[in-house]
Protein backbone atom coordinates (compact mmCIF):
# COMPACT_ATOMS: atom_id res chain seq x y z
CA UNK A 1 8.43 -60.64 -31.44
CA UNK A 2 11.58 -61.86 -29.75
CA UNK A 3 11.48 -65.17 -27.97
CA UNK A 4 14.09 -66.18 -25.37
CA UNK A 5 14.23 -69.40 -23.45
CA UNK A 6 16.17 -69.75 -20.21
CA UNK A 7 19.00 -72.20 -20.47
CA UNK A 8 17.98 -75.66 -19.59
CA UNK A 9 19.51 -76.84 -16.36
CA UNK A 10 22.10 -79.53 -16.49
CA UNK A 11 20.83 -82.97 -15.47
CA UNK A 12 22.42 -86.02 -14.08
CA UNK A 13 19.29 -88.09 -13.75
CA UNK A 14 19.28 -91.44 -15.37
CA UNK A 15 16.47 -92.90 -17.45
CA UNK A 16 15.39 -95.00 -14.47
CA UNK A 17 15.08 -91.98 -12.20
CA UNK A 18 13.22 -90.07 -14.86
CA UNK A 19 10.72 -92.95 -15.09
CA UNK A 20 10.32 -93.03 -11.42
CA UNK A 21 9.62 -89.25 -11.41
CA UNK A 22 6.96 -89.73 -14.08
CA UNK A 23 5.41 -92.50 -12.05
CA UNK A 24 5.38 -90.26 -9.01
CA UNK A 25 3.56 -87.49 -10.90
CA UNK A 26 1.12 -89.92 -12.47
CA UNK A 27 0.30 -91.40 -9.04
CA UNK A 28 -0.21 -87.80 -7.68
CA UNK A 29 -2.54 -86.98 -10.50
CA UNK A 30 -4.67 -90.18 -10.04
CA UNK A 31 -4.74 -89.88 -6.23
CA UNK A 32 -5.89 -86.25 -6.64
CA UNK A 33 -8.64 -87.36 -9.05
CA UNK A 34 -9.74 -89.93 -6.49
CA UNK A 35 -10.43 -87.02 -4.02
CA UNK A 36 -12.14 -84.50 -6.28
CA UNK A 37 -15.68 -85.54 -5.40
CA UNK A 38 -15.53 -87.44 -2.14
CA UNK A 39 -16.41 -84.26 -0.16
CA UNK A 40 -19.48 -83.82 -2.38
CA UNK A 41 -20.98 -87.32 -2.66
CA UNK A 42 -20.47 -88.16 0.92
CA UNK A 43 -23.12 -85.62 2.01
CA UNK A 44 -26.30 -87.03 0.34
CA UNK A 45 -26.40 -90.45 2.12
CA UNK A 46 -26.32 -88.78 5.63
CA UNK A 47 -28.26 -85.65 4.85
CA UNK A 48 -31.08 -86.50 7.34
CA UNK A 49 -28.58 -87.13 10.13
CA UNK A 50 -26.79 -83.94 9.30
CA UNK A 51 -30.10 -81.98 9.49
CA UNK A 52 -30.87 -83.54 12.88
CA UNK A 53 -27.32 -83.15 14.20
CA UNK A 54 -26.99 -79.46 13.31
CA UNK A 55 -30.63 -78.64 13.92
CA UNK A 56 -31.24 -77.17 10.42
CA UNK A 57 -34.23 -76.90 8.08
CA UNK A 58 -34.58 -78.39 4.61
CA UNK A 59 -33.80 -75.04 3.19
CA UNK A 60 -30.49 -74.87 4.93
CA UNK A 61 -29.84 -78.48 3.98
CA UNK A 62 -30.32 -77.31 0.36
CA UNK A 63 -27.58 -74.68 1.08
CA UNK A 64 -25.24 -77.48 2.12
CA UNK A 65 -25.82 -79.41 -1.05
CA UNK A 66 -25.37 -76.32 -3.22
CA UNK A 67 -22.18 -75.00 -1.46
CA UNK A 68 -19.75 -77.34 -3.27
CA UNK A 69 -20.99 -76.07 -6.60
CA UNK A 70 -20.74 -72.47 -5.71
CA UNK A 71 -17.22 -73.04 -4.35
CA UNK A 72 -16.24 -74.79 -7.57
CA UNK A 73 -17.26 -71.58 -9.43
CA UNK A 74 -15.63 -69.10 -7.06
CA UNK A 75 -12.41 -70.93 -6.14
CA UNK A 76 -11.80 -72.33 -9.62
CA UNK A 77 -11.12 -68.85 -11.02
CA UNK A 78 -8.08 -68.63 -8.72
CA UNK A 79 -6.45 -71.64 -10.24
CA UNK A 80 -4.62 -70.09 -13.20
CA UNK A 81 -3.19 -67.07 -11.19
CA UNK A 82 -2.01 -69.47 -8.46
CA UNK A 83 -0.46 -71.79 -10.97
CA UNK A 84 1.36 -68.91 -12.60
CA UNK A 85 2.85 -67.63 -9.38
CA UNK A 86 3.62 -70.89 -7.58
CA UNK A 87 4.69 -74.38 -8.50
CA UNK A 88 1.79 -76.52 -9.54
CA UNK A 89 2.85 -79.28 -7.21
CA UNK A 90 2.78 -76.88 -4.26
CA UNK A 91 -0.55 -75.44 -5.25
CA UNK A 92 -2.13 -78.92 -5.40
CA UNK A 93 -0.47 -80.05 -2.29
CA UNK A 94 -1.74 -77.00 -0.45
CA UNK A 95 -5.25 -77.47 -1.93
CA UNK A 96 -5.37 -81.11 -0.72
CA UNK A 97 -4.13 -80.22 2.72
CA UNK A 98 -6.82 -77.43 2.98
CA UNK A 99 -9.32 -80.11 1.77
CA UNK A 100 -8.29 -82.45 4.63
CA UNK A 101 -8.45 -79.64 7.16
CA UNK A 102 -11.91 -78.50 5.90
CA UNK A 103 -13.25 -82.07 6.04
CA UNK A 104 -12.13 -82.43 9.66
CA UNK A 105 -13.57 -78.94 10.56
CA UNK A 106 -17.05 -79.64 9.17
CA UNK A 107 -17.02 -83.09 10.85
CA UNK A 108 -16.41 -81.56 14.32
CA UNK A 109 -18.40 -78.33 13.78
CA UNK A 110 -21.04 -77.48 16.29
CA UNK A 111 -22.73 -74.33 14.89
CA UNK A 112 -24.01 -74.46 11.36
CA UNK A 113 -21.83 -71.49 10.16
CA UNK A 114 -18.72 -73.33 11.09
CA UNK A 115 -19.92 -76.35 9.12
CA UNK A 116 -20.28 -74.07 6.13
CA UNK A 117 -16.75 -72.64 6.61
CA UNK A 118 -15.40 -76.21 6.75
CA UNK A 119 -17.36 -77.11 3.62
CA UNK A 120 -15.82 -74.09 1.77
CA UNK A 121 -12.25 -74.88 2.89
CA UNK A 122 -12.81 -78.63 1.90
CA UNK A 123 -13.89 -77.60 -1.62
CA UNK A 124 -10.53 -75.90 -2.31
CA UNK A 125 -9.04 -79.25 -3.36
CA UNK A 126 -11.89 -80.08 -5.73
CA UNK A 127 -12.05 -76.66 -7.32
CA UNK A 128 -8.38 -76.27 -7.95
CA UNK A 129 -8.06 -79.88 -9.13
CA UNK A 130 -10.82 -79.29 -11.61
CA UNK A 131 -8.83 -76.51 -13.22
CA UNK A 132 -5.24 -77.68 -12.95
CA UNK A 133 -5.25 -81.45 -13.62
CA UNK A 134 -5.89 -81.21 -17.34
CA UNK A 135 -3.02 -78.77 -17.96
CA UNK A 136 -0.67 -80.86 -15.77
CA UNK A 137 -1.46 -83.91 -17.87
CA UNK A 138 -0.53 -82.05 -21.02
CA UNK A 139 2.71 -80.76 -19.38
CA UNK A 140 4.07 -83.99 -18.00
CA UNK A 141 2.47 -86.50 -20.38
CA UNK A 142 2.07 -84.73 -23.79
CA UNK A 143 2.11 -88.04 -25.64
CA UNK A 144 -0.10 -89.95 -23.27
CA UNK A 145 -2.75 -87.37 -22.57
CA UNK A 146 -5.74 -89.67 -23.30
CA UNK A 147 -4.44 -92.43 -20.95
CA UNK A 148 -3.80 -90.02 -18.06
CA UNK A 149 -7.02 -88.12 -18.51
CA UNK A 150 -8.87 -91.48 -18.59
CA UNK A 151 -7.00 -92.60 -15.49
CA UNK A 152 -7.77 -89.64 -13.30
CA UNK A 153 -11.33 -89.39 -14.69
CA UNK A 154 -11.88 -92.99 -13.77
CA UNK A 155 -10.35 -92.34 -10.34
CA UNK A 156 -12.69 -89.36 -9.82
CA UNK A 157 -15.73 -91.44 -10.69
CA UNK A 158 -14.47 -94.26 -8.46
CA UNK A 159 -13.88 -91.90 -5.55
CA UNK A 160 -17.36 -90.48 -5.92
CA UNK A 161 -18.88 -93.97 -6.00
CA UNK A 162 -16.94 -95.21 -3.03
CA UNK A 163 -17.90 -92.19 -0.90
CA UNK A 164 -21.55 -92.47 -1.92
CA UNK A 165 -21.74 -96.25 -1.10
CA UNK A 166 -19.70 -96.38 2.06
CA UNK A 167 -20.75 -93.14 3.90
CA UNK A 168 -24.02 -94.51 5.31
CA UNK A 169 -22.50 -97.83 6.57
CA UNK A 170 -19.64 -95.83 8.21
CA UNK A 171 -22.17 -93.67 9.98
CA UNK A 172 -24.13 -96.65 11.13
CA UNK A 173 -21.03 -98.45 12.44
CA UNK A 174 -19.75 -95.38 14.28
CA UNK A 175 -22.87 -95.09 16.39
CA UNK A 176 -24.15 -91.80 17.88
CA UNK A 177 -23.11 -88.84 15.71
CA UNK A 178 -21.67 -91.33 13.29
CA UNK A 179 -22.34 -88.97 10.38
CA UNK A 180 -19.48 -86.88 11.64
CA UNK A 181 -17.03 -89.80 11.29
CA UNK A 182 -18.54 -90.63 7.89
CA UNK A 183 -17.80 -87.13 6.60
CA UNK A 184 -14.42 -86.68 8.25
CA UNK A 185 -12.84 -89.98 7.27
CA UNK A 186 -12.18 -88.75 3.79
CA UNK A 187 -9.59 -86.33 5.17
CA UNK A 188 -7.21 -89.26 5.33
CA UNK A 189 -7.36 -89.88 1.57
CA UNK A 190 -6.80 -86.17 0.92
CA UNK A 191 -3.63 -86.20 3.13
CA UNK A 192 -2.30 -89.26 1.36
CA UNK A 193 -2.92 -87.54 -2.04
CA UNK A 194 -0.97 -84.43 -0.93
CA UNK A 195 2.19 -86.41 -0.12
CA UNK A 196 3.32 -87.22 -3.66
CA UNK A 197 2.97 -83.62 -4.75
CA UNK A 198 5.19 -82.58 -1.89
CA UNK A 199 7.81 -85.09 -3.12
CA UNK A 200 7.82 -83.79 -6.69
CA UNK A 201 11.22 -81.90 -7.09
CA UNK A 202 11.45 -78.56 -8.65
CA UNK A 203 13.65 -78.02 -11.70
CA UNK A 204 16.16 -75.30 -11.53
CA UNK A 205 15.19 -71.99 -13.26
CA UNK A 206 11.45 -72.39 -12.69
CA UNK A 207 9.68 -69.09 -12.83
CA UNK A 208 7.28 -67.69 -10.23
CA UNK A 209 6.29 -64.54 -11.89
CA UNK A 210 2.79 -63.47 -12.37
CA UNK A 211 0.95 -64.77 -15.48
CA UNK A 212 -1.49 -62.38 -17.18
CA UNK A 213 -4.52 -64.18 -18.48
CA UNK A 214 -6.51 -63.56 -21.60
CA UNK A 215 -9.25 -60.93 -21.12
CA UNK A 216 -12.43 -62.96 -21.17
CA UNK A 217 -15.13 -60.33 -20.95
CA UNK A 218 -15.21 -59.95 -24.77
CA UNK A 219 -17.03 -63.32 -24.76
CA UNK A 220 -20.10 -61.50 -23.70
CA UNK A 221 -20.61 -60.84 -27.43
CA UNK A 222 -20.70 -64.59 -28.20
CA UNK A 223 -24.10 -66.36 -28.38
CA UNK A 224 -22.17 -69.64 -28.43
CA UNK A 225 -20.36 -68.81 -25.23
CA UNK A 226 -23.65 -67.95 -23.48
CA UNK A 227 -25.32 -71.12 -24.77
CA UNK A 228 -22.38 -73.25 -23.57
CA UNK A 229 -22.48 -71.55 -20.18
CA UNK A 230 -26.21 -72.28 -19.89
CA UNK A 231 -25.92 -75.81 -21.13
CA UNK A 232 -23.03 -76.46 -18.64
CA UNK A 233 -24.97 -74.88 -15.85
CA UNK A 234 -28.25 -76.80 -16.44
CA UNK A 235 -26.56 -80.14 -16.75
CA UNK A 236 -24.57 -79.31 -13.56
CA UNK A 237 -27.82 -78.47 -11.85
CA UNK A 238 -29.27 -81.87 -12.81
CA UNK A 239 -26.17 -83.67 -11.75
CA UNK A 240 -25.80 -81.93 -8.28
CA UNK A 241 -29.50 -82.40 -7.47
CA UNK A 242 -29.01 -86.14 -8.16
CA UNK A 243 -25.85 -86.22 -6.03
CA UNK A 244 -27.19 -84.08 -3.18
CA UNK A 245 -30.91 -85.11 -2.95
CA UNK A 246 -31.60 -88.46 -4.66
CA UNK A 247 -30.34 -90.55 -1.67
CA UNK A 248 -32.49 -88.56 0.80
CA UNK A 249 -35.54 -88.88 -1.51
CA UNK A 250 -35.08 -92.61 -1.66
CA UNK A 251 -34.81 -92.83 2.10
CA UNK A 252 -37.89 -90.79 2.52
CA UNK A 253 -39.63 -93.12 0.05
CA UNK A 254 -38.87 -96.19 2.23
CA UNK A 255 -35.38 -97.38 1.42
CA UNK A 256 -32.75 -97.79 4.07
CA UNK A 257 -29.87 -95.40 4.29
CA UNK A 258 -27.40 -97.99 3.10
CA UNK A 259 -29.48 -98.98 0.13
CA UNK A 260 -30.06 -95.37 -0.82
CA UNK A 261 -26.41 -94.77 -0.71
CA UNK A 262 -25.80 -97.88 -2.86
CA UNK A 263 -28.15 -96.51 -5.46
CA UNK A 264 -26.20 -93.27 -5.53
CA UNK A 265 -23.04 -95.41 -5.91
CA UNK A 266 -24.72 -97.22 -8.88
CA UNK A 267 -25.26 -93.84 -10.48
CA UNK A 268 -21.61 -92.91 -10.02
CA UNK A 269 -20.30 -96.30 -11.31
CA UNK A 270 -22.27 -96.17 -14.50
CA UNK A 271 -20.58 -92.82 -15.29
CA UNK A 272 -17.08 -94.38 -15.30
CA UNK A 273 -17.26 -96.00 -18.77
CA UNK A 274 -19.32 -93.13 -20.11
CA UNK A 275 -16.47 -90.70 -19.53
CA UNK A 276 -14.31 -92.76 -21.76
CA UNK A 277 -16.82 -93.38 -24.61
CA UNK A 278 -18.81 -90.18 -24.99
CA UNK A 279 -15.91 -87.75 -25.88
CA UNK A 280 -14.93 -89.93 -28.91
CA UNK A 281 -18.54 -89.81 -30.07
CA UNK A 282 -19.11 -86.14 -29.37
CA UNK A 283 -16.30 -85.05 -31.73
CA UNK A 284 -18.35 -86.36 -34.63
CA UNK A 285 -20.73 -83.56 -35.78
CA UNK A 286 -23.37 -85.96 -37.13
CA UNK A 287 -23.64 -87.79 -33.74
CA UNK A 288 -23.87 -84.75 -31.51
CA UNK A 289 -27.70 -84.04 -31.77
CA UNK A 290 -28.65 -87.74 -31.72
CA UNK A 291 -26.55 -88.08 -28.58
CA UNK A 292 -28.23 -85.01 -27.09
CA UNK A 293 -31.71 -86.47 -27.75
CA UNK A 294 -30.66 -89.80 -26.34
CA UNK A 295 -29.47 -88.08 -23.06
CA UNK A 296 -32.69 -86.14 -22.82
CA UNK A 297 -34.84 -89.21 -23.23
CA UNK A 298 -32.84 -91.00 -20.44
CA UNK A 299 -33.35 -88.01 -18.19
CA UNK A 300 -37.07 -87.95 -18.76
CA UNK A 301 -37.42 -91.65 -18.20
CA UNK A 302 -35.22 -91.65 -15.11
CA UNK A 303 -36.92 -88.67 -13.43
CA UNK A 304 -40.48 -89.77 -14.19
CA UNK A 305 -39.69 -93.34 -13.03
CA UNK A 306 -38.07 -92.09 -9.77
CA UNK A 307 -41.09 -89.85 -9.14
CA UNK A 308 -43.80 -92.40 -9.76
CA UNK A 309 -42.15 -95.66 -8.61
CA UNK A 310 -39.08 -94.83 -6.47
CA UNK A 311 -38.79 -98.23 -4.67
CA UNK A 312 -39.83 -100.50 -7.55
CA UNK A 313 -36.60 -100.62 -9.63
CA UNK A 314 -34.51 -97.72 -8.15
CA UNK A 315 -31.27 -99.08 -9.74
CA UNK A 316 -32.97 -98.65 -13.20
CA UNK A 317 -33.95 -95.09 -12.60
CA UNK A 318 -30.54 -94.18 -11.18
CA UNK A 319 -28.88 -95.90 -14.20
CA UNK A 320 -31.04 -93.91 -16.61
CA UNK A 321 -30.14 -90.69 -14.79
CA UNK A 322 -26.49 -91.68 -15.06
CA UNK A 323 -26.76 -91.97 -18.79
CA UNK A 324 -28.39 -88.58 -18.95
CA UNK A 325 -25.46 -87.23 -16.98
CA UNK A 326 -23.36 -88.15 -19.99
CA UNK A 327 -24.07 -84.49 -20.96
CA UNK A 328 -21.11 -83.55 -18.70
CA UNK A 329 -18.60 -85.42 -20.89
CA UNK A 330 -20.32 -84.04 -24.01
CA UNK A 331 -20.17 -80.45 -22.93
CA UNK A 332 -16.43 -80.69 -22.01
CA UNK A 333 -15.82 -81.97 -25.53
CA UNK A 334 -17.94 -79.31 -27.12
CA UNK A 335 -16.04 -76.52 -25.32
CA UNK A 336 -12.84 -77.67 -27.07
CA UNK A 337 -14.67 -77.93 -30.40
CA UNK A 338 -16.24 -74.45 -30.32
CA UNK A 339 -13.00 -72.44 -30.14
CA UNK A 340 -10.14 -72.25 -32.75
CA UNK A 341 -7.04 -71.75 -30.64
CA UNK A 342 -5.74 -72.89 -27.25
CA UNK A 343 -6.05 -69.27 -25.93
CA UNK A 344 -9.73 -68.98 -26.89
CA UNK A 345 -10.38 -72.52 -25.73
CA UNK A 346 -9.01 -71.70 -22.25
CA UNK A 347 -11.05 -68.46 -22.09
CA UNK A 348 -14.22 -70.23 -23.21
CA UNK A 349 -13.63 -73.07 -20.69
CA UNK A 350 -13.20 -70.68 -17.79
CA UNK A 351 -16.28 -68.58 -18.66
CA UNK A 352 -18.54 -71.53 -19.44
CA UNK A 353 -17.57 -73.57 -16.36
CA UNK A 354 -17.27 -70.60 -14.00
CA UNK A 355 -20.77 -69.09 -14.71
CA UNK A 356 -22.22 -72.52 -15.40
CA UNK A 357 -21.32 -73.61 -11.83
CA UNK A 358 -23.08 -70.48 -10.51
CA UNK A 359 -26.23 -71.59 -12.35
CA UNK A 360 -25.85 -75.15 -11.29
CA UNK A 361 -25.57 -74.11 -7.68
CA UNK A 362 -29.19 -72.81 -7.67
CA UNK A 363 -30.58 -76.29 -8.29
CA UNK A 364 -29.81 -78.08 -4.94
CA UNK A 365 -30.72 -74.94 -3.04
CA UNK A 366 -34.11 -74.53 -4.70
CA UNK A 367 -34.84 -78.17 -4.07
CA UNK A 368 -34.26 -77.69 -0.42
CA UNK A 369 -36.40 -74.48 -0.30
CA UNK A 370 -39.22 -76.19 -2.22
CA UNK A 371 -39.12 -79.27 -0.05
CA UNK A 372 -39.22 -77.18 3.13
CA UNK A 373 -42.13 -75.04 1.78
CA UNK A 374 -44.33 -77.83 0.41
CA UNK A 375 -43.32 -80.82 2.45
CA UNK A 376 -42.91 -82.92 -0.69
CA UNK A 377 -40.39 -83.58 -3.51
CA UNK A 378 -42.84 -82.69 -6.29
CA UNK A 379 -41.07 -79.37 -6.80
CA UNK A 380 -37.79 -81.12 -7.33
CA UNK A 381 -39.14 -83.22 -10.15
CA UNK A 382 -40.95 -80.40 -11.85
CA UNK A 383 -37.71 -78.34 -11.68
CA UNK A 384 -35.62 -81.14 -13.05
CA UNK A 385 -37.99 -81.89 -15.95
CA UNK A 386 -38.02 -78.19 -16.76
CA UNK A 387 -34.26 -78.35 -16.75
CA UNK A 388 -34.40 -81.16 -19.40
CA UNK A 389 -36.36 -78.66 -21.64
CA UNK A 390 -33.68 -76.06 -21.10
CA UNK A 391 -30.93 -78.52 -21.85
CA UNK A 392 -32.52 -79.59 -25.08
CA UNK A 393 -32.90 -75.98 -26.28
CA UNK A 394 -29.35 -74.95 -25.25
CA UNK A 395 -27.99 -78.18 -26.48
CA UNK A 396 -29.42 -77.69 -29.89
CA UNK A 397 -27.67 -74.34 -30.02
CA UNK A 398 -24.18 -75.66 -28.92
CA UNK A 399 -24.27 -78.49 -31.40
CA UNK A 400 -24.17 -76.00 -34.28
CA UNK A 401 -20.83 -76.08 -35.98
CA UNK A 402 -19.66 -72.53 -35.05
CA UNK A 403 -16.71 -70.96 -33.25
CA UNK A 404 -16.76 -68.35 -30.54
CA UNK A 405 -13.73 -66.68 -32.19
CA UNK A 406 -15.90 -65.78 -35.18
CA UNK A 407 -18.63 -64.27 -32.92
CA UNK A 408 -16.10 -61.79 -31.32
CA UNK A 409 -14.78 -59.75 -34.34
CA UNK A 410 -11.14 -58.81 -34.05
CA UNK A 411 -10.59 -60.95 -30.85
CA UNK A 412 -6.84 -61.61 -30.70
CA UNK A 413 -5.95 -63.25 -27.40
CA UNK A 414 -2.33 -62.26 -27.61
CA UNK A 415 -3.30 -58.59 -27.71
CA UNK A 416 -4.49 -58.81 -24.11
CA UNK A 417 -1.17 -59.87 -22.64
CA UNK A 418 1.41 -57.53 -21.18
CA UNK A 419 4.73 -56.92 -22.96
CA UNK A 420 6.33 -59.62 -20.84
CA UNK A 421 4.71 -62.94 -20.10
CA UNK A 422 6.38 -65.57 -17.88
CA UNK A 423 5.14 -69.12 -17.74
CA UNK A 424 5.50 -70.57 -14.26
CA UNK A 425 5.68 -74.16 -13.08
CA UNK A 426 8.41 -76.74 -13.02
CA UNK A 427 9.57 -76.02 -16.58
CA UNK A 428 12.30 -73.54 -17.34
CA UNK A 429 10.61 -70.19 -17.94
CA UNK A 430 9.72 -68.94 -21.40
CA UNK A 431 9.74 -65.15 -21.92
CA UNK A 432 7.64 -63.72 -24.68
CA UNK A 433 8.56 -60.11 -25.64
CA UNK A 434 5.65 -58.79 -27.73
CA UNK A 435 5.94 -55.56 -29.62
CA UNK A 436 2.72 -53.51 -29.15
CA UNK A 437 0.59 -53.70 -32.26
CA UNK A 438 3.00 -56.29 -33.64
CA UNK A 439 0.38 -59.04 -33.93
CA UNK A 440 0.41 -62.57 -32.55
CA UNK A 441 3.26 -63.69 -30.30
CA UNK A 442 3.43 -66.78 -32.32
CA UNK A 443 4.72 -64.73 -35.24
């Protein structure tokens, strides 16, 4: 293999300007994280007003709550090709501008189909942010990865909580059709988040050629990959039912819209410290299965308590459910632990999250259909408790100390790349010339 690196461009920037550039990128990453879930968590607190305003059934309301998850699955796959062809800063700026436009479109939409179109466009920002932010942190802050990941994860949880808590009060203050203002106001935050990305300068010599990704269909042979996809999907189904339907359930049980939104905010706030603690525990093999059982116990207690006594101590049930949702941080850690190389980790992450989100999207939709067919939420609770059983079974499999690489004999990621691979972005391009049959590009 012959490796050539384009000559680094001459630079006249001072240390001060470099630090300012780093601060600009850090601010852009954190502001993007703040917006990743606002379009999702703002729906639940005004779901009843949305049903009335658009004249839709509970089944179609279920489609509204499941649309974000399906969009995360479908649009997320476009992240790596876009990142390879265009500058990451432009991809994210465009994604956030699309998000702002989609939020405005669904806020003013009259017919239901137009509302769905607006929702799909609004999810572009969240879907591409999910995929691209981790790689951007590693590119720009290779020695401060933990700090930046923690910062934008905290921002993401904070944005979700703010949207959940404030949507209902905004709708009430806006008066008639206030739910439209409550959903559209988050476009302002998306616009503000796009501005720093537009200000990030390009470095001379950046490449915009097409990146050829590792072929991922070989993972169909890996039981671990299937188990991780199922585990990711079921935990996502639990989480998005909580996000999409718990506030409406609490309202139907007798709580005010503002209080129900506050309970959803409590659920989001509890998740902020969990995202920092759980990964460091999940890397320890002896703690993985005890953690899994703890999360499952919290899910069971939270769902049963919410089912039998929704208005007694709703904050306690929502806190327990938030603890159960710690499975999200756990599965993200396990994806990294169950592959040996960066290439196989990237492939496993794309497959597990992509197909996992497809499975997760079925949850909110089924809840809406069951509620419309039976007139009650009993189906939701039975579905979620069955999901806990599925999580326990698949979680037991993914906590085995195995690697997907070993389950796909002869899988060499580099063998799936074309002769010429160009890495795009703001860095100077790196060209890898691989001789067919010559083995790994790493030599």
